[in-house]
Amino acid sequence: MTHDVPHRAHDLLATLRPLLAAEARAEAHACGGEAADLEQEVWLRLLERLAAAGPPPDPHGWLRRAVRAEARRTRRTRRREQRYDGEPAGKEPGPEALVLAAARGRALRAAVRRLPGRCPGLLEALLSPRDLTYREIAGELGISQGSLGPERSRCLGCLRRLLAREVAAR
């Protein structure tokens, strides 16, 4: 009997696979998600259900409801998510936003270069697209890893004051 349960679960999963793929493809575009992500979430919910309560009485109906529930959850999540640049998550930035972001980046790097002492090197390392760790930055700058945090705070304070003066002057 114990060998029969995994076999039945396997048969159920094999039977539901084409239906799940079709349902996920149908719902993915409307919710702004990926069909594969929806499938993965529903498979997880089904496996949790199988472990806790056994197979649903109407597997096909359960599957359709589960896909729609996951699609609704994905839609709600995407509406609430914000990208780092403040744009809504599902919307790609237009050319104007890209030009403005590039100009802000150039202005920031120009201000960083005007800072005193080790600040330009430290902040350039922190802004690096290589995404350096504190250990790598400390090694690159020849300073101890423990002094990196206080030094970073001091440099950011200098940058904040410099930018505040420049904004006030305009």
N, C-alpha and C. Protein backbone atom coordinates (compact mmCIF):
# COMPACT_ATOMS: atom_id res chain seq x y z
N MET A 1 0.83 -1.19 0.00
CA MET A 1 0.00 0.00 0.00
C MET A 1 0.87 1.26 0.00
N THR A 2 1.97 1.29 0.77
CA THR A 2 2.81 2.49 0.84
C THR A 2 3.46 2.77 -0.51
N HIS A 3 3.74 1.72 -1.31
CA HIS A 3 4.34 1.96 -2.63
C HIS A 3 3.31 2.47 -3.61
N ASP A 4 2.03 2.27 -3.32
CA ASP A 4 0.97 2.68 -4.21
C ASP A 4 0.73 4.19 -4.16
N VAL A 5 0.95 4.84 -2.99
CA VAL A 5 0.70 6.29 -2.84
C VAL A 5 1.62 7.10 -3.74
N PRO A 6 2.95 6.89 -3.73
CA PRO A 6 3.80 7.66 -4.64
C PRO A 6 3.44 7.42 -6.10
N HIS A 7 3.05 6.20 -6.43
CA HIS A 7 2.69 5.88 -7.81
C HIS A 7 1.46 6.68 -8.23
N ARG A 8 0.45 6.75 -7.34
CA ARG A 8 -0.75 7.52 -7.65
C ARG A 8 -0.42 9.01 -7.77
N ALA A 9 0.43 9.52 -6.90
CA ALA A 9 0.82 10.93 -6.96
C ALA A 9 1.54 11.20 -8.28
N HIS A 10 2.42 10.31 -8.67
CA HIS A 10 3.14 10.46 -9.94
C HIS A 10 2.17 10.47 -11.11
N ASP A 11 1.20 9.56 -11.10
CA ASP A 11 0.19 9.51 -12.16
C ASP A 11 -0.60 10.81 -12.21
N LEU A 12 -0.97 11.33 -11.03
CA LEU A 12 -1.72 12.57 -10.95
C LEU A 12 -0.91 13.72 -11.55
N LEU A 13 0.36 13.82 -11.18
CA LEU A 13 1.21 14.89 -11.70
C LEU A 13 1.37 14.77 -13.21
N ALA A 14 1.55 13.55 -13.70
CA ALA A 14 1.70 13.34 -15.14
C ALA A 14 0.41 13.72 -15.88
N THR A 15 -0.72 13.42 -15.29
CA THR A 15 -2.01 13.73 -15.90
C THR A 15 -2.24 15.24 -15.94
N LEU A 16 -1.84 15.95 -14.89
CA LEU A 16 -2.10 17.38 -14.79
C LEU A 16 -1.10 18.25 -15.54
N ARG A 17 0.05 17.71 -15.89
CA ARG A 17 1.12 18.51 -16.51
C ARG A 17 0.65 19.29 -17.74
N PRO A 18 0.00 18.66 -18.74
CA PRO A 18 -0.41 19.45 -19.92
C PRO A 18 -1.45 20.52 -19.59
N LEU A 19 -2.37 20.20 -18.71
CA LEU A 19 -3.39 21.18 -18.32
C LEU A 19 -2.74 22.36 -17.60
N LEU A 20 -1.82 22.08 -16.71
CA LEU A 20 -1.14 23.16 -15.99
C LEU A 20 -0.36 24.05 -16.95
N ALA A 21 0.36 23.45 -17.89
CA ALA A 21 1.12 24.24 -18.86
C ALA A 21 0.20 25.15 -19.65
N ALA A 22 -0.95 24.62 -20.11
CA ALA A 22 -1.88 25.42 -20.90
C ALA A 22 -2.50 26.54 -20.06
N GLU A 23 -2.92 26.22 -18.85
CA GLU A 23 -3.53 27.23 -17.97
C GLU A 23 -2.52 28.32 -17.62
N ALA A 24 -1.30 27.94 -17.33
CA ALA A 24 -0.28 28.92 -16.96
C ALA A 24 0.03 29.84 -18.13
N ARG A 25 0.13 29.27 -19.34
CA ARG A 25 0.37 30.12 -20.53
C ARG A 25 -0.78 31.10 -20.73
N ALA A 26 -2.00 30.65 -20.50
CA ALA A 26 -3.17 31.50 -20.71
C ALA A 26 -3.21 32.65 -19.70
N GLU A 27 -2.79 32.41 -18.48
CA GLU A 27 -2.88 33.43 -17.43
C GLU A 27 -1.65 34.32 -17.32
N ALA A 28 -0.51 33.85 -17.80
CA ALA A 28 0.76 34.55 -17.56
C ALA A 28 0.77 35.96 -18.13
N HIS A 29 0.34 36.12 -19.35
CA HIS A 29 0.41 37.45 -19.97
C HIS A 29 -0.47 38.44 -19.23
N ALA A 30 -1.66 38.02 -18.86
CA ALA A 30 -2.60 38.93 -18.18
C ALA A 30 -2.10 39.38 -16.81
N CYS A 31 -1.32 38.53 -16.15
CA CYS A 31 -0.85 38.91 -14.81
C CYS A 31 0.53 39.55 -14.85
N GLY A 32 1.15 39.61 -16.03
CA GLY A 32 2.47 40.22 -16.15
C GLY A 32 3.58 39.32 -15.65
N GLY A 33 3.31 38.03 -15.55
CA GLY A 33 4.32 37.09 -15.07
C GLY A 33 4.76 36.15 -16.18
N GLU A 34 5.55 35.18 -15.78
CA GLU A 34 6.03 34.16 -16.71
C GLU A 34 5.25 32.88 -16.47
N ALA A 35 4.92 32.18 -17.56
CA ALA A 35 4.17 30.92 -17.44
C ALA A 35 4.93 29.92 -16.58
N ALA A 36 6.24 29.84 -16.76
CA ALA A 36 7.04 28.88 -15.98
C ALA A 36 6.98 29.19 -14.49
N ASP A 37 6.96 30.48 -14.14
CA ASP A 37 6.87 30.85 -12.72
C ASP A 37 5.52 30.44 -12.14
N LEU A 38 4.46 30.68 -12.90
CA LEU A 38 3.13 30.26 -12.43
C LEU A 38 3.08 28.74 -12.25
N GLU A 39 3.61 28.02 -13.23
CA GLU A 39 3.63 26.55 -13.12
C GLU A 39 4.36 26.11 -11.87
N GLN A 40 5.51 26.69 -11.62
CA GLN A 40 6.31 26.30 -10.46
C GLN A 40 5.54 26.55 -9.16
N GLU A 41 4.88 27.70 -9.05
CA GLU A 41 4.13 28.01 -7.84
C GLU A 41 2.97 27.03 -7.64
N VAL A 42 2.28 26.69 -8.73
CA VAL A 42 1.14 25.77 -8.61
C VAL A 42 1.64 24.37 -8.28
N TRP A 43 2.75 23.93 -8.89
CA TRP A 43 3.30 22.61 -8.53
C TRP A 43 3.62 22.56 -7.05
N LEU A 44 4.20 23.62 -6.55
CA LEU A 44 4.55 23.68 -5.13
C LEU A 44 3.28 23.58 -4.27
N ARG A 45 2.26 24.35 -4.63
CA ARG A 45 1.00 24.29 -3.88
C ARG A 45 0.39 22.89 -3.93
N LEU A 46 0.47 22.24 -5.10
CA LEU A 46 -0.09 20.90 -5.23
C LEU A 46 0.68 19.90 -4.37
N LEU A 47 2.00 19.99 -4.38
CA LEU A 47 2.80 19.07 -3.56
C LEU A 47 2.53 19.30 -2.07
N GLU A 48 2.38 20.56 -1.68
CA GLU A 48 2.03 20.84 -0.28
C GLU A 48 0.66 20.25 0.04
N ARG A 49 -0.26 20.38 -0.88
CA ARG A 49 -1.61 19.84 -0.68
C ARG A 49 -1.55 18.31 -0.56
N LEU A 50 -0.78 17.67 -1.45
CA LEU A 50 -0.68 16.21 -1.41
C LEU A 50 -0.09 15.73 -0.08
N ALA A 51 0.90 16.46 0.42
CA ALA A 51 1.54 16.06 1.67
C ALA A 51 0.61 16.28 2.86
N ALA A 52 -0.19 17.34 2.83
CA ALA A 52 -1.02 17.68 3.98
C ALA A 52 -2.37 16.97 3.98
N ALA A 53 -3.02 16.90 2.82
CA ALA A 53 -4.40 16.41 2.81
C ALA A 53 -4.69 15.38 1.73
N GLY A 54 -3.68 15.03 0.96
CA GLY A 54 -3.92 14.09 -0.12
C GLY A 54 -4.40 14.80 -1.37
N PRO A 55 -4.72 14.04 -2.39
CA PRO A 55 -5.12 14.66 -3.66
C PRO A 55 -6.48 15.35 -3.53
N PRO A 56 -6.67 16.44 -4.26
CA PRO A 56 -7.96 17.12 -4.23
C PRO A 56 -9.03 16.23 -4.88
N PRO A 57 -10.29 16.37 -4.45
CA PRO A 57 -11.35 15.54 -5.02
C PRO A 57 -11.54 15.79 -6.52
N ASP A 58 -11.37 17.04 -6.95
CA ASP A 58 -11.50 17.39 -8.37
C ASP A 58 -10.17 18.00 -8.81
N PRO A 59 -9.19 17.18 -9.18
CA PRO A 59 -7.85 17.70 -9.49
C PRO A 59 -7.83 18.75 -10.60
N HIS A 60 -8.61 18.55 -11.65
CA HIS A 60 -8.60 19.51 -12.75
C HIS A 60 -9.18 20.85 -12.33
N GLY A 61 -10.27 20.82 -11.60
CA GLY A 61 -10.87 22.06 -11.09
C GLY A 61 -9.95 22.75 -10.10
N TRP A 62 -9.35 21.95 -9.22
CA TRP A 62 -8.41 22.51 -8.23
C TRP A 62 -7.26 23.20 -8.94
N LEU A 63 -6.75 22.56 -9.99
CA LEU A 63 -5.61 23.11 -10.72
C LEU A 63 -5.98 24.44 -11.38
N ARG A 64 -7.13 24.50 -12.03
CA ARG A 64 -7.56 25.75 -12.66
C ARG A 64 -7.70 26.87 -11.62
N ARG A 65 -8.30 26.56 -10.49
CA ARG A 65 -8.47 27.57 -9.43
C ARG A 65 -7.11 28.00 -8.87
N ALA A 66 -6.20 27.05 -8.73
CA ALA A 66 -4.87 27.36 -8.19
C ALA A 66 -4.10 28.27 -9.14
N VAL A 67 -4.18 28.01 -10.44
CA VAL A 67 -3.48 28.86 -11.41
C VAL A 67 -4.04 30.28 -11.35
N ARG A 68 -5.36 30.41 -11.30
CA ARG A 68 -5.96 31.74 -11.24
C ARG A 68 -5.61 32.46 -9.94
N ALA A 69 -5.57 31.72 -8.85
CA ALA A 69 -5.19 32.32 -7.56
C ALA A 69 -3.75 32.82 -7.61
N GLU A 70 -2.85 32.04 -8.19
CA GLU A 70 -1.44 32.46 -8.31
C GLU A 70 -1.32 33.66 -9.24
N ALA A 71 -2.11 33.67 -10.31
CA ALA A 71 -2.07 34.80 -11.24
C ALA A 71 -2.55 36.07 -10.54
N ARG A 72 -3.60 35.97 -9.73
CA ARG A 72 -4.08 37.14 -8.97
C ARG A 72 -3.01 37.62 -7.99
N ARG A 73 -2.36 36.67 -7.30
CA ARG A 73 -1.31 37.03 -6.36
C ARG A 73 -0.16 37.74 -7.08
N THR A 74 0.21 37.23 -8.25
CA THR A 74 1.29 37.83 -9.04
C THR A 74 0.91 39.24 -9.47
N ARG A 75 -0.35 39.42 -9.92
CA ARG A 75 -0.81 40.76 -10.32
C ARG A 75 -0.75 41.74 -9.16
N ARG A 76 -1.23 41.31 -7.99
CA ARG A 76 -1.19 42.19 -6.81
C ARG A 76 0.25 42.56 -6.45
N THR A 77 1.11 41.57 -6.48
CA THR A 77 2.52 41.81 -6.13
C THR A 77 3.16 42.78 -7.11
N ARG A 78 2.92 42.59 -8.40
CA ARG A 78 3.53 43.45 -9.41
C ARG A 78 3.02 44.89 -9.29
N ARG A 79 1.76 45.07 -8.90
CA ARG A 79 1.24 46.43 -8.74
C ARG A 79 1.92 47.14 -7.58
N ARG A 80 2.29 46.40 -6.54
CA ARG A 80 2.89 47.01 -5.35
C ARG A 80 4.40 47.19 -5.47
N GLU A 81 5.04 46.38 -6.30
CA GLU A 81 6.50 46.45 -6.41
C GLU A 81 6.92 47.73 -7.11
N GLN A 82 8.03 48.28 -6.65
CA GLN A 82 8.63 49.44 -7.29
C GLN A 82 10.08 49.11 -7.61
N ARG A 83 10.51 49.52 -8.78
CA ARG A 83 11.92 49.35 -9.10
C ARG A 83 12.71 50.39 -8.33
N TYR A 84 14.01 50.23 -8.28
CA TYR A 84 14.85 51.16 -7.54
C TYR A 84 14.75 52.58 -8.07
N ASP A 85 14.48 52.75 -9.37
CA ASP A 85 14.41 54.08 -9.93
C ASP A 85 13.03 54.72 -9.79
N GLY A 86 12.10 54.04 -9.08
CA GLY A 86 10.79 54.61 -8.82
C GLY A 86 9.76 54.29 -9.88
N GLU A 87 10.16 53.69 -10.99
CA GLU A 87 9.22 53.31 -12.04
C GLU A 87 8.44 52.08 -11.59
N PRO A 88 7.17 51.93 -12.02
CA PRO A 88 6.45 50.69 -11.71
C PRO A 88 7.18 49.49 -12.28
N ALA A 89 7.07 48.35 -11.62
CA ALA A 89 7.85 47.17 -11.97
C ALA A 89 7.60 46.67 -13.39
N GLY A 90 6.38 46.72 -13.89
CA GLY A 90 6.10 46.16 -15.20
C GLY A 90 6.41 47.09 -16.36
N LYS A 91 6.79 48.32 -16.08
CA LYS A 91 6.98 49.32 -17.13
C LYS A 91 8.46 49.56 -17.38
N GLU A 92 8.87 49.46 -18.62
CA GLU A 92 10.26 49.75 -18.98
C GLU A 92 10.43 51.26 -19.11
N PRO A 93 11.57 51.79 -18.68
CA PRO A 93 11.78 53.23 -18.79
C PRO A 93 11.87 53.66 -20.25
N GLY A 94 11.33 54.83 -20.53
CA GLY A 94 11.39 55.38 -21.88
C GLY A 94 12.73 56.04 -22.12
N PRO A 95 12.93 56.55 -23.34
CA PRO A 95 14.22 57.18 -23.66
C PRO A 95 14.53 58.39 -22.79
N GLU A 96 13.48 59.16 -22.44
CA GLU A 96 13.72 60.34 -21.60
C GLU A 96 14.25 59.94 -20.23
N ALA A 97 13.64 58.89 -19.65
CA ALA A 97 14.08 58.43 -18.33
C ALA A 97 15.51 57.90 -18.39
N LEU A 98 15.86 57.22 -19.48
CA LEU A 98 17.23 56.71 -19.62
C LEU A 98 18.24 57.85 -19.74
N VAL A 99 17.89 58.89 -20.50
CA VAL A 99 18.79 60.04 -20.65
C VAL A 99 18.95 60.76 -19.31
N LEU A 100 17.84 60.95 -18.59
CA LEU A 100 17.92 61.61 -17.28
C LEU A 100 18.74 60.79 -16.29
N ALA A 101 18.56 59.47 -16.29
CA ALA A 101 19.32 58.61 -15.38
C ALA A 101 20.81 58.68 -15.70
N ALA A 102 21.16 58.70 -16.99
CA ALA A 102 22.57 58.80 -17.38
C ALA A 102 23.15 60.15 -16.94
N ALA A 103 22.37 61.22 -17.09
CA ALA A 103 22.83 62.55 -16.68
C ALA A 103 23.04 62.59 -15.17
N ARG A 104 22.11 61.99 -14.41
CA ARG A 104 22.28 61.96 -12.95
C ARG A 104 23.53 61.17 -12.57
N GLY A 105 23.77 60.08 -13.26
CA GLY A 105 24.97 59.28 -12.99
C GLY A 105 26.25 60.06 -13.27
N ARG A 106 26.27 60.80 -14.39
CA ARG A 106 27.45 61.62 -14.72
C ARG A 106 27.65 62.72 -13.68
N ALA A 107 26.55 63.35 -13.26
CA ALA A 107 26.67 64.42 -12.26
C ALA A 107 27.16 63.87 -10.93
N LEU A 108 26.67 62.71 -10.55
CA LEU A 108 27.12 62.10 -9.30
C LEU A 108 28.60 61.76 -9.35
N ARG A 109 29.04 61.15 -10.44
CA ARG A 109 30.47 60.79 -10.56
C ARG A 109 31.36 62.02 -10.61
N ALA A 110 30.88 63.10 -11.24
CA ALA A 110 31.66 64.36 -11.26
C ALA A 110 31.78 64.92 -9.84
N ALA A 111 30.70 64.87 -9.08
CA ALA A 111 30.75 65.36 -7.70
C ALA A 111 31.67 64.48 -6.86
N VAL A 112 31.64 63.18 -7.07
CA VAL A 112 32.51 62.26 -6.32
C VAL A 112 33.98 62.58 -6.58
N ARG A 113 34.31 62.92 -7.84
CA ARG A 113 35.71 63.24 -8.18
C ARG A 113 36.20 64.51 -7.49
N ARG A 114 35.29 65.39 -7.09
CA ARG A 114 35.67 66.65 -6.42
C ARG A 114 35.82 66.50 -4.91
N LEU A 115 35.57 65.32 -4.37
CA LEU A 115 35.67 65.12 -2.92
C LEU A 115 37.13 65.08 -2.48
N PRO A 116 37.38 65.35 -1.20
CA PRO A 116 38.76 65.36 -0.69
C PRO A 116 39.26 63.96 -0.34
N GLY A 117 40.58 63.84 -0.23
CA GLY A 117 41.24 62.65 0.31
C GLY A 117 40.94 61.36 -0.45
N ARG A 118 40.68 60.31 0.33
CA ARG A 118 40.43 58.99 -0.26
C ARG A 118 38.99 58.81 -0.71
N CYS A 119 38.15 59.81 -0.48
CA CYS A 119 36.73 59.67 -0.79
C CYS A 119 36.44 59.34 -2.25
N PRO A 120 37.09 60.00 -3.23
CA PRO A 120 36.78 59.65 -4.61
C PRO A 120 37.04 58.17 -4.92
N GLY A 121 38.17 57.65 -4.48
CA GLY A 121 38.48 56.24 -4.73
C GLY A 121 37.51 55.30 -4.05
N LEU A 122 37.17 55.62 -2.81
CA LEU A 122 36.26 54.77 -2.05
C LEU A 122 34.87 54.75 -2.67
N LEU A 123 34.33 55.92 -2.98
CA LEU A 123 32.98 55.97 -3.54
C LEU A 123 32.93 55.41 -4.96
N GLU A 124 33.98 55.61 -5.75
CA GLU A 124 34.03 54.99 -7.08
C GLU A 124 34.02 53.48 -6.96
N ALA A 125 34.75 52.95 -5.97
CA ALA A 125 34.75 51.50 -5.76
C ALA A 125 33.36 51.01 -5.34
N LEU A 126 32.68 51.79 -4.49
CA LEU A 126 31.33 51.40 -4.08
C LEU A 126 30.33 51.49 -5.23
N LEU A 127 30.54 52.43 -6.15
CA LEU A 127 29.65 52.60 -7.30
C LEU A 127 30.02 51.69 -8.47
N SER A 128 31.09 50.95 -8.34
CA SER A 128 31.60 50.14 -9.44
C SER A 128 30.58 49.10 -9.89
N PRO A 129 30.43 48.92 -11.20
CA PRO A 129 29.53 47.87 -11.70
C PRO A 129 30.05 46.47 -11.39
N ARG A 130 31.30 46.36 -10.95
CA ARG A 130 31.85 45.04 -10.59
C ARG A 130 31.27 44.53 -9.28
N ASP A 131 30.53 45.38 -8.53
CA ASP A 131 29.88 45.00 -7.29
C ASP A 131 30.86 44.35 -6.31
N LEU A 132 31.90 45.13 -5.97
CA LEU A 132 32.97 44.65 -5.10
C LEU A 132 32.49 44.45 -3.66
N THR A 133 33.08 43.48 -2.99
CA THR A 133 32.79 43.28 -1.57
C THR A 133 33.63 44.26 -0.76
N TYR A 134 33.29 44.43 0.52
CA TYR A 134 34.09 45.30 1.39
C TYR A 134 35.54 44.81 1.44
N ARG A 135 35.74 43.52 1.48
CA ARG A 135 37.11 42.97 1.53
C ARG A 135 37.88 43.37 0.28
N GLU A 136 37.24 43.27 -0.89
CA GLU A 136 37.92 43.63 -2.15
C GLU A 136 38.21 45.12 -2.21
N ILE A 137 37.26 45.93 -1.75
CA ILE A 137 37.47 47.39 -1.76
C ILE A 137 38.61 47.76 -0.82
N ALA A 138 38.62 47.18 0.38
CA ALA A 138 39.69 47.47 1.34
C ALA A 138 41.04 47.08 0.76
N GLY A 139 41.11 45.92 0.11
CA GLY A 139 42.37 45.49 -0.50
C GLY A 139 42.80 46.41 -1.62
N GLU A 140 41.83 46.84 -2.44
CA GLU A 140 42.13 47.72 -3.56
C GLU A 140 42.63 49.09 -3.10
N LEU A 141 42.06 49.59 -1.99
CA LEU A 141 42.42 50.91 -1.48
C LEU A 141 43.56 50.86 -0.46
N GLY A 142 43.92 49.68 0.00
CA GLY A 142 44.98 49.55 0.97
C GLY A 142 44.60 50.04 2.36
N ILE A 143 43.35 49.85 2.75
CA ILE A 143 42.91 50.23 4.09
C ILE A 143 42.28 49.02 4.75
N SER A 144 42.14 49.08 6.06
CA SER A 144 41.56 47.93 6.76
C SER A 144 40.06 47.85 6.49
N GLN A 145 39.56 46.63 6.48
CA GLN A 145 38.15 46.41 6.23
C GLN A 145 37.29 47.04 7.33
N GLY A 146 37.79 47.06 8.56
CA GLY A 146 37.05 47.64 9.68
C GLY A 146 36.88 49.15 9.58
N SER A 147 37.82 49.82 8.91
CA SER A 147 37.71 51.28 8.79
C SER A 147 36.89 51.69 7.57
N LEU A 148 36.50 50.73 6.77
CA LEU A 148 35.77 51.04 5.54
C LEU A 148 34.39 51.65 5.82
N GLY A 149 33.65 51.10 6.78
CA GLY A 149 32.31 51.63 7.10
C GLY A 149 32.35 53.06 7.60
N PRO A 150 33.19 53.39 8.61
CA PRO A 150 33.27 54.78 9.07
C PRO A 150 33.78 55.73 7.98
N GLU A 151 34.72 55.25 7.19
CA GLU A 151 35.25 56.08 6.09
C GLU A 151 34.15 56.35 5.06
N ARG A 152 33.36 55.32 4.75
CA ARG A 152 32.25 55.46 3.81
C ARG A 152 31.24 56.49 4.33
N SER A 153 30.91 56.40 5.62
CA SER A 153 29.96 57.36 6.21
C SER A 153 30.49 58.79 6.12
N ARG A 154 31.77 58.96 6.42
CA ARG A 154 32.37 60.29 6.33
C ARG A 154 32.33 60.81 4.90
N CYS A 155 32.67 59.97 3.94
CA CYS A 155 32.68 60.38 2.53
C CYS A 155 31.26 60.69 2.04
N LEU A 156 30.29 59.91 2.45
CA LEU A 156 28.91 60.19 2.05
C LEU A 156 28.42 61.51 2.64
N GLY A 157 28.85 61.81 3.87
CA GLY A 157 28.52 63.10 4.47
C GLY A 157 29.12 64.25 3.68
N CYS A 158 30.37 64.09 3.26
CA CYS A 158 31.02 65.12 2.44
C CYS A 158 30.28 65.29 1.12
N LEU A 159 29.91 64.19 0.50
CA LEU A 159 29.19 64.23 -0.77
C LEU A 159 27.83 64.91 -0.59
N ARG A 160 27.14 64.57 0.49
CA ARG A 160 25.84 65.17 0.77
C ARG A 160 25.97 66.70 0.91
N ARG A 161 26.99 67.15 1.66
CA ARG A 161 27.19 68.59 1.84
C ARG A 161 27.55 69.27 0.52
N LEU A 162 28.39 68.64 -0.27
CA LEU A 162 28.80 69.20 -1.56
C LEU A 162 27.59 69.34 -2.49
N LEU A 163 26.78 68.30 -2.57
CA LEU A 163 25.60 68.35 -3.44
C LEU A 163 24.57 69.34 -2.93
N ALA A 164 24.41 69.46 -1.61
CA ALA A 164 23.47 70.42 -1.06
C ALA A 164 23.87 71.84 -1.41
N ARG A 165 25.18 72.14 -1.35
CA ARG A 165 25.66 73.48 -1.72
C ARG A 165 25.40 73.74 -3.19
N GLU A 166 25.67 72.76 -4.03
CA GLU A 166 25.47 72.94 -5.48
C GLU A 166 24.00 73.13 -5.83
N VAL A 167 23.13 72.37 -5.19
CA VAL A 167 21.69 72.50 -5.46
C VAL A 167 21.22 73.86 -4.97
N ALA A 168 21.68 74.32 -3.79
CA ALA A 168 21.28 75.61 -3.25
C ALA A 168 21.78 76.75 -4.15
N ALA A 169 22.96 76.58 -4.74
CA ALA A 169 23.54 77.61 -5.58
C ALA A 169 22.73 77.78 -6.88
N ARG A 170 22.08 76.74 -7.33
CA ARG A 170 21.27 76.83 -8.55
C ARG A 170 19.98 77.52 -8.23
